[in-house]
Amino acid sequence: MKLYLLRHADAEARDAEKYPDDLLRPLIKKGYKKIGKAGKLLKEAEVTLDLVLTSPAVRTMETARRLAKELNLPDEIVMPCDALLPEGGGSEVIREINEKHKADALMLVGHEPNLSLLISQLIGGDERIAIHMKKTGLCCLTIDELRDGKCAVLEWLLDPTLL
């Protein structure tokens, strides 16, 4: 399986008055522009996706939908996944994928530090490998059998400043 991980694009600043629920913060223009560039890059690289699981937060849903649009993918392949919420954990994400989803090319759209910790868990067997994904950062892992622990090979990790 190819497992792609994407951190959400730039969103509105945290503001407890404007967004008392942090999950409601939307993307800003800069975020839409960056995810558009990321989508074009993936399209040029002929990346195809069977499924996109995303945190149900507004900023991640908007990121996932924009990426799907850039890749000319049907809306139905973008699905919310509570395990990808900021309070979720890698083991929970792995369990959900294994129990509910079958895909050869899967993308997860989520938050930091969760995505970096998940990458570390999958390539190193624990969360001690120091990885940091910037907003709109992309990662590709190759996995024979997804499990909670070392099971993946890091193919690439893209810093969005390179877009």
Protein backbone atom coordinates (compact mmCIF):
# COMPACT_ATOMS: atom_id res chain seq x y z
CA MET A 1 0.00 0.00 0.00
CA LYS A 2 1.05 3.58 -0.62
CA LEU A 3 0.14 5.70 2.37
CA TYR A 4 0.25 9.44 1.81
CA LEU A 5 0.04 11.84 4.75
CA LEU A 6 -0.84 15.49 4.29
CA ARG A 7 -0.97 18.16 6.95
CA HIS A 8 -3.81 20.62 6.43
CA ALA A 9 -3.06 23.87 4.63
CA ASP A 10 -2.87 27.32 6.25
CA ALA A 11 -6.03 28.22 8.15
CA GLU A 12 -7.45 31.18 10.03
CA ALA A 13 -5.49 32.05 13.17
CA ARG A 14 -6.65 30.64 16.46
CA ASP A 15 -9.21 33.03 17.94
CA ALA A 16 -11.35 31.81 20.82
CA GLU A 17 -13.81 34.62 20.27
CA LYS A 18 -14.25 34.16 16.52
CA TYR A 19 -13.86 30.35 16.61
CA PRO A 20 -14.81 29.09 20.08
CA ASP A 21 -14.58 25.60 18.57
CA ASP A 22 -11.10 25.33 17.03
CA LEU A 23 -12.36 22.66 14.64
CA LEU A 24 -14.38 25.33 12.80
CA ARG A 25 -11.38 27.35 11.58
CA PRO A 26 -11.42 27.44 7.74
CA LEU A 27 -8.55 27.68 5.28
CA ILE A 28 -7.30 31.06 4.19
CA LYS A 29 -6.45 32.11 0.63
CA LYS A 30 -2.77 31.19 1.15
CA GLY A 31 -3.85 27.70 2.22
CA TYR A 32 -5.97 27.16 -0.87
CA LYS A 33 -3.10 28.33 -3.05
CA LYS A 34 -0.60 25.96 -1.39
CA ILE A 35 -2.88 22.94 -1.57
CA GLY A 36 -3.52 23.76 -5.23
CA LYS A 37 0.23 23.62 -5.86
CA ALA A 38 0.53 20.36 -3.93
CA GLY A 39 -2.29 18.87 -5.97
CA LYS A 40 -0.64 19.90 -9.25
CA LEU A 41 2.62 18.34 -8.11
CA LEU A 42 0.90 15.05 -7.22
CA LYS A 43 -0.95 15.09 -10.52
CA GLU A 44 2.30 15.60 -12.45
CA ALA A 45 3.81 12.71 -10.49
CA GLU A 46 0.77 10.62 -11.55
CA VAL A 47 -0.21 9.90 -7.96
CA THR A 48 -3.60 8.21 -7.78
CA LEU A 49 -5.66 7.74 -4.65
CA ASP A 50 -8.34 5.18 -3.83
CA LEU A 51 -9.43 6.87 -0.62
CA VAL A 52 -8.81 10.08 1.35
CA LEU A 53 -9.49 9.93 5.09
CA THR A 54 -9.55 13.30 6.79
CA SER A 55 -10.05 14.76 10.21
CA PRO A 56 -13.56 16.24 10.31
CA ALA A 57 -12.14 19.67 11.24
CA VAL A 58 -13.16 22.32 8.69
CA ARG A 59 -9.55 23.11 7.68
CA THR A 60 -8.70 19.46 7.00
CA MET A 61 -11.95 18.76 5.15
CA GLU A 62 -11.34 21.82 2.95
CA THR A 63 -7.74 20.69 2.34
CA ALA A 64 -8.84 17.17 1.39
CA ARG A 65 -11.64 18.36 -0.90
CA ARG A 66 -9.39 20.86 -2.69
CA LEU A 67 -6.74 18.19 -3.23
CA ALA A 68 -9.34 15.75 -4.57
CA LYS A 69 -10.55 18.45 -6.96
CA GLU A 70 -6.99 19.10 -8.17
CA LEU A 71 -6.56 15.36 -8.81
CA ASN A 72 -9.97 15.07 -10.52
CA LEU A 73 -11.13 12.56 -7.92
CA PRO A 74 -14.79 11.95 -7.07
CA ASP A 75 -16.09 13.62 -3.89
CA GLU A 76 -17.16 10.24 -2.49
CA ILE A 77 -13.58 9.12 -1.84
CA VAL A 78 -13.10 11.91 0.74
CA MET A 79 -14.34 10.56 4.07
CA PRO A 80 -14.18 12.01 7.60
CA CYS A 81 -12.29 9.96 10.18
CA ASP A 82 -12.61 10.88 13.86
CA ALA A 83 -9.33 9.10 14.64
CA LEU A 84 -7.58 11.90 12.71
CA LEU A 85 -8.91 14.65 15.00
CA PRO A 86 -6.21 16.52 16.99
CA GLU A 87 -6.88 14.39 20.07
CA GLY A 88 -6.64 11.15 18.08
CA GLY A 89 -3.68 8.80 18.09
CA GLY A 90 -1.74 6.68 15.65
CA SER A 91 -2.93 3.35 17.03
CA GLU A 92 -6.53 4.49 16.65
CA VAL A 93 -5.92 5.54 13.02
CA ILE A 94 -4.24 2.22 12.20
CA ARG A 95 -7.08 0.26 13.81
CA GLU A 96 -9.72 2.22 11.89
CA ILE A 97 -7.97 1.71 8.55
CA ASN A 98 -7.52 -2.01 9.14
CA GLU A 99 -11.10 -2.54 10.34
CA LYS A 100 -13.00 -0.32 7.91
CA HIS A 101 -11.04 0.50 4.76
CA LYS A 102 -9.32 -1.28 1.92
CA ALA A 103 -7.12 0.76 -0.42
CA ASP A 104 -3.91 0.40 -2.38
CA ALA A 105 -3.34 4.16 -2.31
CA LEU A 106 -4.64 5.94 0.78
CA MET A 107 -4.18 9.53 1.91
CA LEU A 108 -4.60 10.76 5.47
CA VAL A 109 -5.23 14.48 6.00
CA GLY A 110 -4.69 15.62 9.55
CA HIS A 111 -2.91 17.69 12.15
CA GLU A 112 0.42 18.05 13.90
CA PRO A 113 1.92 16.53 15.92
CA ASN A 114 -0.26 13.49 15.16
CA LEU A 115 0.91 12.95 11.59
CA SER A 116 4.61 13.19 12.46
CA LEU A 117 4.13 10.82 15.37
CA LEU A 118 2.31 8.36 13.11
CA ILE A 119 5.09 8.50 10.52
CA SER A 120 7.67 7.91 13.26
CA GLN A 121 5.64 5.00 14.63
CA LEU A 122 5.31 3.35 11.21
CA ILE A 123 8.92 3.77 10.04
CA GLY A 124 10.70 3.35 13.39
CA GLY A 125 8.43 1.32 15.62
CA ASP A 126 7.85 4.12 18.12
CA GLU A 127 7.37 7.88 18.24
CA ARG A 128 10.99 8.87 19.01
CA ILE A 129 12.07 9.70 15.45
CA ALA A 130 11.97 13.49 15.19
CA ILE A 131 9.82 14.50 12.24
CA HIS A 132 7.93 17.75 11.78
CA MET A 133 5.44 18.36 9.00
CA LYS A 134 4.78 21.98 8.12
CA LYS A 135 1.35 23.05 6.92
CA THR A 136 0.71 21.40 3.53
CA GLY A 137 3.64 19.04 4.15
CA LEU A 138 3.37 15.74 2.28
CA CYS A 139 4.77 12.31 3.02
CA CYS A 140 4.70 8.99 1.17
CA LEU A 141 5.18 5.63 2.86
CA THR A 142 5.20 2.15 1.34
CA ILE A 143 3.63 -0.51 3.52
CA ASP A 144 3.22 -4.25 2.93
CA GLU A 145 1.01 -4.85 5.98
CA LEU A 146 -0.26 -1.94 8.08
CA ARG A 147 0.21 -2.60 11.78
CA ASP A 148 0.88 -0.72 14.99
CA GLY A 149 4.67 -0.54 14.89
CA LYS A 150 7.51 -0.60 12.38
CA CYS A 151 5.99 -1.60 9.05
CA ALA A 152 6.72 1.20 6.56
CA VAL A 153 9.45 2.55 4.33
CA LEU A 154 9.72 6.31 3.97
CA GLU A 155 9.64 7.03 0.23
CA TRP A 156 9.65 10.82 0.51
CA LEU A 157 8.81 13.75 2.76
CA LEU A 158 8.12 17.05 1.04
CA ASP A 159 8.52 20.41 2.71
CA PRO A 160 5.86 22.74 1.25
CA THR A 161 8.40 25.54 0.74
CA LEU A 162 9.64 23.48 -2.21
CA LEU A 163 6.31 23.84 -4.02
